[in-house]
Amino acid sequence: MRERILLALRAPGSIEAEVGKVQQALFQEHGFVSAIALSPVIPIAFLGRFPPRGFLQRLQAAVSGPLRVSAAGTAWQQGALFLTLDTGGVWASLRDACAGESTTGLFPVAEGFFLGCIEATAPRRKTIRVETLLPSFSSATLAVITIATPTRGGVKWWRDVSCSIDEEKPLRGRR
């Protein structure tokens, strides 16, 4: 197995449940296994190595304002579908703060929940509709997640994947 380290935001449980329903619907309607490969996360960056002690505290300091997150629609980013969000600049601040640590990952990162659908062809992408009334939220958790995939057959990593949350820290922006 090959391990990759993902820095992500995790939403409150009720929000994760709603996004999980969207992921399940994409799987049931279209058969996209990548839609259910990961629990609902907002990817910030893939890291080249496991972060040092105090890394999440340093990132937390990069957030200059309170967190207010609202859904903004859906968008395709480099072949992956995202439920896009408006984080009021928090996502960008976190991404910038860990830019020196980031590396290429399994999928693109974007300001939104990763919905997968990586195996969708370009013509099929036009047929995918996501219906959700995701409520706004103002709390989240920074998480370091290890994603383990097979060492061979990496193109279709979502077919055999396991994840573990290695470290978490509630995100507290400055008021």
N, C-alpha and C. Protein backbone atom coordinates (compact mmCIF):
# COMPACT_ATOMS: atom_id res chain seq x y z
N MET A 1 0.84 -1.19 0.00
CA MET A 1 0.00 0.00 0.00
C MET A 1 0.88 1.25 0.00
N ARG A 2 0.41 2.26 -0.69
CA ARG A 2 1.10 3.54 -0.72
C ARG A 2 0.26 4.54 0.08
N GLU A 3 0.91 5.30 0.93
CA GLU A 3 0.20 6.25 1.76
C GLU A 3 0.45 7.68 1.29
N ARG A 4 -0.62 8.45 1.29
CA ARG A 4 -0.55 9.87 0.97
C ARG A 4 -1.20 10.63 2.12
N ILE A 5 -0.67 11.80 2.39
CA ILE A 5 -1.16 12.60 3.51
C ILE A 5 -1.98 13.77 2.96
N LEU A 6 -3.22 13.86 3.41
CA LEU A 6 -4.13 14.92 2.98
C LEU A 6 -4.45 15.82 4.16
N LEU A 7 -4.30 17.11 3.94
CA LEU A 7 -4.78 18.10 4.90
C LEU A 7 -6.16 18.51 4.41
N ALA A 8 -7.14 18.44 5.30
CA ALA A 8 -8.52 18.72 4.89
C ALA A 8 -9.29 19.39 6.01
N LEU A 9 -10.41 19.95 5.63
CA LEU A 9 -11.38 20.44 6.61
C LEU A 9 -12.49 19.41 6.71
N ARG A 10 -12.94 19.15 7.92
CA ARG A 10 -14.10 18.30 8.15
C ARG A 10 -15.20 19.17 8.72
N ALA A 11 -16.38 18.99 8.21
CA ALA A 11 -17.53 19.78 8.64
C ALA A 11 -18.21 19.11 9.83
N PRO A 12 -19.14 19.81 10.48
CA PRO A 12 -19.92 19.18 11.55
C PRO A 12 -20.66 17.94 11.02
N GLY A 13 -20.99 17.03 11.93
CA GLY A 13 -21.61 15.77 11.56
C GLY A 13 -22.87 15.89 10.73
N SER A 14 -23.72 16.86 11.02
CA SER A 14 -24.97 17.02 10.26
C SER A 14 -24.67 17.40 8.81
N ILE A 15 -23.65 18.21 8.60
CA ILE A 15 -23.26 18.61 7.24
C ILE A 15 -22.63 17.41 6.52
N GLU A 16 -21.77 16.69 7.23
CA GLU A 16 -21.17 15.49 6.63
C GLU A 16 -22.25 14.50 6.20
N ALA A 17 -23.30 14.36 7.00
CA ALA A 17 -24.39 13.44 6.66
C ALA A 17 -25.09 13.88 5.37
N GLU A 18 -25.32 15.18 5.22
CA GLU A 18 -25.97 15.69 4.01
C GLU A 18 -25.10 15.46 2.77
N VAL A 19 -23.81 15.73 2.89
CA VAL A 19 -22.89 15.51 1.77
C VAL A 19 -22.78 14.02 1.48
N GLY A 20 -22.80 13.20 2.52
CA GLY A 20 -22.78 11.75 2.35
C GLY A 20 -23.96 11.27 1.53
N LYS A 21 -25.13 11.88 1.72
CA LYS A 21 -26.31 11.54 0.92
C LYS A 21 -26.08 11.87 -0.56
N VAL A 22 -25.44 12.99 -0.82
CA VAL A 22 -25.13 13.37 -2.20
C VAL A 22 -24.17 12.34 -2.81
N GLN A 23 -23.14 11.96 -2.06
CA GLN A 23 -22.18 10.97 -2.55
C GLN A 23 -22.89 9.64 -2.86
N GLN A 24 -23.77 9.21 -1.97
CA GLN A 24 -24.51 7.96 -2.19
C GLN A 24 -25.40 8.06 -3.42
N ALA A 25 -26.05 9.19 -3.61
CA ALA A 25 -26.92 9.38 -4.78
C ALA A 25 -26.11 9.31 -6.07
N LEU A 26 -24.91 9.90 -6.08
CA LEU A 26 -24.06 9.84 -7.27
C LEU A 26 -23.66 8.40 -7.57
N PHE A 27 -23.37 7.64 -6.52
CA PHE A 27 -23.02 6.23 -6.70
C PHE A 27 -24.22 5.44 -7.20
N GLN A 28 -25.37 5.62 -6.58
CA GLN A 28 -26.55 4.86 -6.96
C GLN A 28 -27.04 5.20 -8.36
N GLU A 29 -27.02 6.48 -8.72
CA GLU A 29 -27.55 6.90 -10.02
C GLU A 29 -26.58 6.65 -11.17
N HIS A 30 -25.28 6.77 -10.91
CA HIS A 30 -24.30 6.71 -11.99
C HIS A 30 -23.28 5.58 -11.85
N GLY A 31 -23.20 4.97 -10.66
CA GLY A 31 -22.25 3.88 -10.45
C GLY A 31 -20.82 4.33 -10.24
N PHE A 32 -20.62 5.60 -9.91
CA PHE A 32 -19.26 6.11 -9.71
C PHE A 32 -18.75 5.75 -8.32
N VAL A 33 -17.85 4.79 -8.27
CA VAL A 33 -17.29 4.35 -7.00
C VAL A 33 -16.47 5.46 -6.35
N SER A 34 -15.84 6.31 -7.16
CA SER A 34 -15.03 7.39 -6.59
C SER A 34 -15.87 8.38 -5.77
N ALA A 35 -17.19 8.41 -6.01
CA ALA A 35 -18.07 9.30 -5.26
C ALA A 35 -18.17 8.89 -3.79
N ILE A 36 -17.97 7.59 -3.52
CA ILE A 36 -18.09 7.11 -2.14
C ILE A 36 -16.76 6.62 -1.57
N ALA A 37 -15.68 6.90 -2.28
CA ALA A 37 -14.36 6.41 -1.85
C ALA A 37 -13.88 7.06 -0.56
N LEU A 38 -14.26 8.32 -0.35
CA LEU A 38 -13.82 9.05 0.85
C LEU A 38 -15.03 9.58 1.60
N SER A 39 -14.88 9.74 2.89
CA SER A 39 -15.93 10.42 3.65
C SER A 39 -15.91 11.89 3.23
N PRO A 40 -16.97 12.64 3.51
CA PRO A 40 -17.01 14.04 3.08
C PRO A 40 -15.87 14.87 3.67
N VAL A 41 -15.02 15.38 2.81
CA VAL A 41 -13.91 16.24 3.22
C VAL A 41 -13.77 17.40 2.25
N ILE A 42 -13.21 18.47 2.74
CA ILE A 42 -12.85 19.63 1.93
C ILE A 42 -11.33 19.63 1.84
N PRO A 43 -10.78 19.10 0.75
CA PRO A 43 -9.32 18.97 0.66
C PRO A 43 -8.63 20.33 0.54
N ILE A 44 -7.57 20.49 1.29
CA ILE A 44 -6.78 21.72 1.23
C ILE A 44 -5.48 21.47 0.47
N ALA A 45 -4.77 20.41 0.84
CA ALA A 45 -3.49 20.10 0.17
C ALA A 45 -3.06 18.68 0.49
N PHE A 46 -2.39 18.08 -0.46
CA PHE A 46 -1.67 16.84 -0.20
C PHE A 46 -0.29 17.26 0.27
N LEU A 47 0.18 16.64 1.34
CA LEU A 47 1.46 17.02 1.93
C LEU A 47 2.53 16.01 1.54
N GLY A 48 3.74 16.48 1.35
CA GLY A 48 4.84 15.62 0.95
C GLY A 48 5.31 14.68 2.04
N ARG A 49 4.99 15.00 3.29
CA ARG A 49 5.39 14.17 4.42
C ARG A 49 4.41 14.43 5.55
N PHE A 50 4.46 13.57 6.57
CA PHE A 50 3.60 13.79 7.72
C PHE A 50 4.03 15.11 8.38
N PRO A 51 3.08 15.97 8.71
CA PRO A 51 3.45 17.29 9.24
C PRO A 51 4.08 17.21 10.63
N PRO A 52 4.97 18.15 10.90
CA PRO A 52 5.63 18.17 12.22
C PRO A 52 4.66 18.60 13.32
N ARG A 53 5.07 18.36 14.52
CA ARG A 53 4.29 18.77 15.70
C ARG A 53 4.04 20.28 15.63
N GLY A 54 2.82 20.69 15.93
CA GLY A 54 2.47 22.11 15.93
C GLY A 54 2.01 22.63 14.58
N PHE A 55 2.00 21.80 13.55
CA PHE A 55 1.63 22.22 12.20
C PHE A 55 0.20 22.74 12.15
N LEU A 56 -0.74 22.02 12.76
CA LEU A 56 -2.14 22.45 12.71
C LEU A 56 -2.35 23.74 13.49
N GLN A 57 -1.61 23.93 14.59
CA GLN A 57 -1.71 25.19 15.33
C GLN A 57 -1.21 26.35 14.48
N ARG A 58 -0.13 26.11 13.73
CA ARG A 58 0.41 27.16 12.85
C ARG A 58 -0.60 27.51 11.76
N LEU A 59 -1.24 26.49 11.21
CA LEU A 59 -2.26 26.75 10.18
C LEU A 59 -3.45 27.50 10.76
N GLN A 60 -3.83 27.13 11.95
CA GLN A 60 -4.95 27.80 12.59
C GLN A 60 -4.68 29.30 12.74
N ALA A 61 -3.44 29.66 13.00
CA ALA A 61 -3.06 31.06 13.14
C ALA A 61 -3.18 31.82 11.82
N ALA A 62 -3.18 31.11 10.69
CA ALA A 62 -3.30 31.75 9.38
C ALA A 62 -4.72 32.22 9.08
N VAL A 63 -5.67 31.76 9.87
CA VAL A 63 -7.07 32.14 9.65
C VAL A 63 -7.33 33.44 10.38
N SER A 64 -7.62 34.48 9.62
CA SER A 64 -7.73 35.80 10.21
C SER A 64 -9.14 36.19 10.62
N GLY A 65 -10.14 35.50 10.17
CA GLY A 65 -11.50 35.88 10.52
C GLY A 65 -12.32 34.67 10.93
N PRO A 66 -13.56 34.91 11.33
CA PRO A 66 -14.41 33.79 11.72
C PRO A 66 -14.78 32.95 10.50
N LEU A 67 -15.08 31.70 10.74
CA LEU A 67 -15.45 30.78 9.66
C LEU A 67 -16.95 30.87 9.41
N ARG A 68 -17.30 31.15 8.18
CA ARG A 68 -18.70 31.13 7.73
C ARG A 68 -18.70 30.48 6.37
N VAL A 69 -19.28 29.29 6.29
CA VAL A 69 -19.23 28.50 5.06
C VAL A 69 -20.63 28.35 4.49
N SER A 70 -20.75 28.59 3.19
CA SER A 70 -22.03 28.37 2.51
C SER A 70 -21.79 27.68 1.18
N ALA A 71 -22.76 26.90 0.76
CA ALA A 71 -22.65 26.18 -0.51
C ALA A 71 -22.74 27.17 -1.67
N ALA A 72 -21.97 26.89 -2.72
CA ALA A 72 -21.94 27.80 -3.87
C ALA A 72 -22.30 27.09 -5.18
N GLY A 73 -22.59 25.79 -5.15
CA GLY A 73 -22.94 25.05 -6.37
C GLY A 73 -22.02 23.87 -6.56
N THR A 74 -21.85 23.46 -7.81
CA THR A 74 -20.93 22.38 -8.13
C THR A 74 -20.00 22.82 -9.24
N ALA A 75 -18.84 22.21 -9.31
CA ALA A 75 -17.88 22.53 -10.37
C ALA A 75 -16.95 21.35 -10.58
N TRP A 76 -16.53 21.19 -11.82
CA TRP A 76 -15.53 20.19 -12.17
C TRP A 76 -14.16 20.83 -12.08
N GLN A 77 -13.25 20.18 -11.38
CA GLN A 77 -11.88 20.65 -11.27
C GLN A 77 -10.96 19.52 -11.71
N GLN A 78 -10.32 19.68 -12.84
CA GLN A 78 -9.36 18.69 -13.36
C GLN A 78 -9.93 17.28 -13.32
N GLY A 79 -11.19 17.12 -13.74
CA GLY A 79 -11.80 15.80 -13.85
C GLY A 79 -12.48 15.27 -12.61
N ALA A 80 -12.55 16.06 -11.54
CA ALA A 80 -13.24 15.65 -10.31
C ALA A 80 -14.35 16.64 -10.00
N LEU A 81 -15.44 16.12 -9.47
CA LEU A 81 -16.59 16.96 -9.14
C LEU A 81 -16.50 17.42 -7.69
N PHE A 82 -16.79 18.69 -7.47
CA PHE A 82 -16.79 19.27 -6.13
C PHE A 82 -18.11 19.99 -5.87
N LEU A 83 -18.58 19.87 -4.63
CA LEU A 83 -19.67 20.70 -4.14
C LEU A 83 -18.97 21.95 -3.62
N THR A 84 -18.99 23.00 -4.42
CA THR A 84 -18.19 24.17 -4.11
C THR A 84 -18.75 24.95 -2.92
N LEU A 85 -17.86 25.61 -2.24
CA LEU A 85 -18.20 26.37 -1.04
C LEU A 85 -17.62 27.76 -1.10
N ASP A 86 -18.23 28.66 -0.37
CA ASP A 86 -17.66 29.98 -0.14
C ASP A 86 -17.25 30.00 1.33
N THR A 87 -15.95 30.04 1.57
CA THR A 87 -15.44 30.04 2.94
C THR A 87 -14.97 31.42 3.38
N GLY A 88 -15.26 32.43 2.60
CA GLY A 88 -14.85 33.78 2.97
C GLY A 88 -13.35 33.96 3.03
N GLY A 89 -12.61 33.19 2.25
CA GLY A 89 -11.16 33.30 2.19
C GLY A 89 -10.41 32.38 3.14
N VAL A 90 -11.11 31.66 4.00
CA VAL A 90 -10.44 30.78 4.96
C VAL A 90 -9.71 29.65 4.24
N TRP A 91 -10.38 29.01 3.27
CA TRP A 91 -9.74 27.91 2.53
C TRP A 91 -8.46 28.40 1.86
N ALA A 92 -8.53 29.54 1.20
CA ALA A 92 -7.35 30.09 0.51
C ALA A 92 -6.23 30.41 1.49
N SER A 93 -6.56 30.93 2.65
CA SER A 93 -5.55 31.23 3.68
C SER A 93 -4.85 29.96 4.13
N LEU A 94 -5.62 28.90 4.36
CA LEU A 94 -5.03 27.63 4.78
C LEU A 94 -4.17 27.04 3.67
N ARG A 95 -4.65 27.11 2.45
CA ARG A 95 -3.90 26.59 1.31
C ARG A 95 -2.57 27.33 1.17
N ASP A 96 -2.62 28.65 1.26
CA ASP A 96 -1.40 29.46 1.16
C ASP A 96 -0.42 29.14 2.30
N ALA A 97 -0.96 28.93 3.49
CA ALA A 97 -0.12 28.68 4.67
C ALA A 97 0.63 27.36 4.59
N CYS A 98 0.13 26.41 3.82
CA CYS A 98 0.82 25.12 3.71
C CYS A 98 1.40 24.90 2.32
N ALA A 99 1.51 25.95 1.54
CA ALA A 99 2.01 25.83 0.16
C ALA A 99 3.40 25.20 0.09
N GLY A 100 4.26 25.49 1.02
CA GLY A 100 5.61 24.94 1.01
C GLY A 100 5.66 23.45 1.31
N GLU A 101 4.60 22.92 1.88
CA GLU A 101 4.54 21.51 2.25
C GLU A 101 3.79 20.67 1.23
N SER A 102 3.08 21.32 0.27
CA SER A 102 2.17 20.57 -0.60
C SER A 102 2.88 19.88 -1.76
N THR A 103 2.21 18.84 -2.25
CA THR A 103 2.72 18.03 -3.35
C THR A 103 1.54 17.57 -4.20
N THR A 104 1.82 16.91 -5.30
CA THR A 104 0.76 16.37 -6.15
C THR A 104 0.07 15.23 -5.41
N GLY A 105 -1.25 15.16 -5.56
CA GLY A 105 -2.00 14.16 -4.83
C GLY A 105 -2.80 13.23 -5.73
N LEU A 106 -3.70 12.49 -5.12
CA LEU A 106 -4.54 11.53 -5.84
C LEU A 106 -5.59 12.21 -6.70
N PHE A 107 -6.01 13.39 -6.29
CA PHE A 107 -7.06 14.12 -6.98
C PHE A 107 -6.80 15.61 -6.76
N PRO A 108 -7.45 16.46 -7.54
CA PRO A 108 -7.24 17.90 -7.34
C PRO A 108 -7.87 18.36 -6.02
N VAL A 109 -7.41 19.49 -5.54
CA VAL A 109 -8.02 20.09 -4.37
C VAL A 109 -8.75 21.35 -4.83
N ALA A 110 -9.84 21.65 -4.16
CA ALA A 110 -10.63 22.83 -4.50
C ALA A 110 -11.40 23.25 -3.26
N GLU A 111 -11.93 24.44 -3.30
CA GLU A 111 -12.70 25.00 -2.18
C GLU A 111 -14.10 24.38 -2.20
N GLY A 112 -14.17 23.14 -1.74
CA GLY A 112 -15.45 22.45 -1.72
C GLY A 112 -15.29 21.00 -1.30
N PHE A 113 -16.43 20.33 -1.12
CA PHE A 113 -16.42 18.92 -0.78
C PHE A 113 -16.08 18.10 -2.02
N PHE A 114 -15.15 17.17 -1.88
CA PHE A 114 -14.77 16.28 -2.97
C PHE A 114 -15.90 15.27 -3.17
N LEU A 115 -16.49 15.27 -4.39
CA LEU A 115 -17.57 14.33 -4.73
C LEU A 115 -17.11 13.25 -5.70
N GLY A 116 -15.85 13.25 -6.08
CA GLY A 116 -15.32 12.20 -6.94
C GLY A 116 -15.82 12.29 -8.36
N CYS A 117 -16.47 11.23 -8.83
CA CYS A 117 -16.95 11.10 -10.22
C CYS A 117 -15.79 11.16 -11.21
N ILE A 118 -14.61 10.76 -10.76
CA ILE A 118 -13.40 10.82 -11.57
C ILE A 118 -13.51 9.94 -12.81
N GLU A 119 -14.26 8.84 -12.69
CA GLU A 119 -14.36 7.92 -13.81
C GLU A 119 -15.37 8.37 -14.87
N ALA A 120 -16.03 9.51 -14.69
CA ALA A 120 -17.00 10.03 -15.67
C ALA A 120 -16.28 10.56 -16.90
N THR A 121 -16.75 10.17 -18.05
CA THR A 121 -16.22 10.71 -19.31
C THR A 121 -16.76 12.11 -19.52
N ALA A 122 -16.10 12.88 -20.36
CA ALA A 122 -16.52 14.27 -20.61
C ALA A 122 -17.99 14.36 -21.03
N PRO A 123 -18.48 13.54 -21.97
CA PRO A 123 -19.90 13.65 -22.33
C PRO A 123 -20.83 13.30 -21.16
N ARG A 124 -20.42 12.36 -20.35
CA ARG A 124 -21.26 11.93 -19.22
C ARG A 124 -21.31 12.99 -18.12
N ARG A 125 -20.27 13.78 -17.99
CA ARG A 125 -20.24 14.83 -16.96
C ARG A 125 -21.40 15.80 -17.13
N LYS A 126 -21.79 16.03 -18.37
CA LYS A 126 -22.89 16.97 -18.64
C LYS A 126 -24.23 16.47 -18.11
N THR A 127 -24.36 15.17 -17.88
CA THR A 127 -25.62 14.60 -17.41
C THR A 127 -25.73 14.55 -15.90
N ILE A 128 -24.66 14.86 -15.20
CA ILE A 128 -24.65 14.74 -13.73
C ILE A 128 -25.24 16.00 -13.10
N ARG A 129 -26.25 15.79 -12.29
CA ARG A 129 -26.89 16.89 -11.57
C ARG A 129 -26.81 16.59 -10.08
N VAL A 130 -26.46 17.59 -9.31
CA VAL A 130 -26.39 17.44 -7.85
C VAL A 130 -27.42 18.37 -7.23
N GLU A 131 -28.33 17.76 -6.49
CA GLU A 131 -29.38 18.52 -5.82
C GLU A 131 -29.15 18.44 -4.32
N THR A 132 -28.91 19.57 -3.71
CA THR A 132 -28.77 19.59 -2.25
C THR A 132 -29.07 20.99 -1.73
N LEU A 133 -29.63 21.04 -0.58
CA LEU A 133 -29.86 22.31 0.11
C LEU A 133 -28.97 22.30 1.34
N LEU A 134 -27.68 22.37 1.10
CA LEU A 134 -26.71 22.31 2.18
C LEU A 134 -26.78 23.59 3.01
N PRO A 135 -27.05 23.46 4.31
CA PRO A 135 -27.11 24.66 5.14
C PRO A 135 -25.71 25.25 5.37
N SER A 136 -25.67 26.51 5.70
CA SER A 136 -24.40 27.16 6.04
C SER A 136 -23.92 26.60 7.38
N PHE A 137 -22.60 26.69 7.60
CA PHE A 137 -22.07 26.25 8.89
C PHE A 137 -20.90 27.14 9.27
N SER A 138 -20.61 27.18 10.59
CA SER A 138 -19.58 28.09 11.08
C SER A 138 -18.55 27.39 11.96
N SER A 139 -18.50 26.07 11.90
CA SER A 139 -17.45 25.36 12.62
C SER A 139 -16.92 24.25 11.73
N ALA A 140 -15.66 23.95 11.89
CA ALA A 140 -15.01 22.89 11.12
C ALA A 140 -13.79 22.43 11.90
N THR A 141 -13.24 21.32 11.45
CA THR A 141 -12.06 20.76 12.07
C THR A 141 -10.97 20.58 11.03
N LEU A 142 -9.76 21.03 11.34
CA LEU A 142 -8.61 20.74 10.49
C LEU A 142 -8.20 19.30 10.75
N ALA A 143 -7.95 18.55 9.69
CA ALA A 143 -7.60 17.15 9.87
C ALA A 143 -6.44 16.75 8.98
N VAL A 144 -5.57 15.93 9.52
CA VAL A 144 -4.51 15.28 8.76
C VAL A 144 -4.98 13.85 8.54
N ILE A 145 -5.16 13.48 7.27
CA ILE A 145 -5.74 12.19 6.92
C ILE A 145 -4.73 11.40 6.09
N THR A 146 -4.50 10.16 6.48
CA THR A 146 -3.67 9.26 5.69
C THR A 146 -4.59 8.46 4.79
N ILE A 147 -4.31 8.51 3.48
CA ILE A 147 -5.07 7.75 2.49
C ILE A 147 -4.14 6.67 1.95
N ALA A 148 -4.52 5.42 2.14
CA ALA A 148 -3.72 4.29 1.66
C ALA A 148 -4.38 3.69 0.43
N THR A 149 -3.57 3.52 -0.63
CA THR A 149 -4.05 2.93 -1.89
C THR A 149 -3.07 1.85 -2.32
N PRO A 150 -3.50 0.97 -3.21
CA PRO A 150 -2.58 -0.06 -3.70
C PRO A 150 -1.39 0.58 -4.41
N THR A 151 -0.25 -0.08 -4.35
CA THR A 151 0.94 0.47 -5.01
C THR A 151 0.86 0.32 -6.52
N ARG A 152 0.10 -0.67 -6.99
CA ARG A 152 -0.07 -0.79 -8.44
C ARG A 152 -1.51 -0.45 -8.81
N GLY A 153 -1.72 -0.10 -10.06
CA GLY A 153 -3.06 0.27 -10.51
C GLY A 153 -3.52 1.60 -9.96
N GLY A 154 -2.59 2.53 -9.74
CA GLY A 154 -2.88 3.81 -9.11
C GLY A 154 -3.87 4.69 -9.83
N VAL A 155 -4.13 4.45 -11.12
CA VAL A 155 -5.06 5.29 -11.84
C VAL A 155 -6.47 5.17 -11.26
N LYS A 156 -6.85 3.99 -10.84
CA LYS A 156 -8.18 3.77 -10.27
C LYS A 156 -8.08 3.53 -8.75
N TRP A 157 -7.41 4.44 -8.06
CA TRP A 157 -7.15 4.32 -6.64
C TRP A 157 -8.42 4.16 -5.81
N TRP A 158 -9.53 4.72 -6.25
CA TRP A 158 -10.76 4.74 -5.48
C TRP A 158 -11.40 3.36 -5.31
N ARG A 159 -10.92 2.37 -6.04
CA ARG A 159 -11.50 1.03 -5.92
C ARG A 159 -11.00 0.26 -4.71
N ASP A 160 -9.86 0.65 -4.18
CA ASP A 160 -9.29 -0.03 -3.02
C ASP A 160 -8.56 1.01 -2.18
N VAL A 161 -9.28 1.65 -1.30
CA VAL A 161 -8.72 2.76 -0.54
C VAL A 161 -9.13 2.64 0.93
N SER A 162 -8.24 3.04 1.80
CA SER A 162 -8.60 3.14 3.21
C SER A 162 -8.05 4.46 3.75
N CYS A 163 -8.73 4.99 4.73
CA CYS A 163 -8.35 6.29 5.29
C CYS A 163 -8.31 6.22 6.81
N SER A 164 -7.43 7.02 7.36
CA SER A 164 -7.41 7.17 8.82
C SER A 164 -7.14 8.63 9.14
N ILE A 165 -7.83 9.12 10.13
CA ILE A 165 -7.62 10.49 10.59
C ILE A 165 -6.54 10.43 11.65
N ASP A 166 -5.40 11.04 11.37
CA ASP A 166 -4.25 10.95 12.26
C ASP A 166 -4.18 12.06 13.29
N GLU A 167 -4.72 13.22 12.93
CA GLU A 167 -4.67 14.35 13.84
C GLU A 167 -5.81 15.30 13.48
N GLU A 168 -6.43 15.90 14.48
CA GLU A 168 -7.50 16.86 14.26
C GLU A 168 -7.35 18.03 15.22
N LYS A 169 -7.84 19.16 14.77
CA LYS A 169 -7.83 20.35 15.63
C LYS A 169 -9.02 21.22 15.21
N PRO A 170 -9.87 21.58 16.14
CA PRO A 170 -10.98 22.48 15.78
C PRO A 170 -10.43 23.78 15.20
N LEU A 171 -11.03 24.22 14.12
CA LEU A 171 -10.60 25.46 13.49
C LEU A 171 -11.27 26.63 14.19
N ARG A 172 -10.48 27.49 14.70
CA ARG A 172 -11.00 28.66 15.38
C ARG A 172 -10.39 29.90 14.74
N GLY A 173 -11.19 30.57 13.96
CA GLY A 173 -10.71 31.81 13.34
C GLY A 173 -10.69 32.94 14.34
N ARG A 174 -9.98 33.98 14.02
CA ARG A 174 -9.95 35.16 14.88
C ARG A 174 -11.16 36.01 14.61
N ARG A 175 -11.67 36.62 15.63
CA ARG A 175 -12.87 37.47 15.47
C ARG A 175 -12.48 38.92 15.34
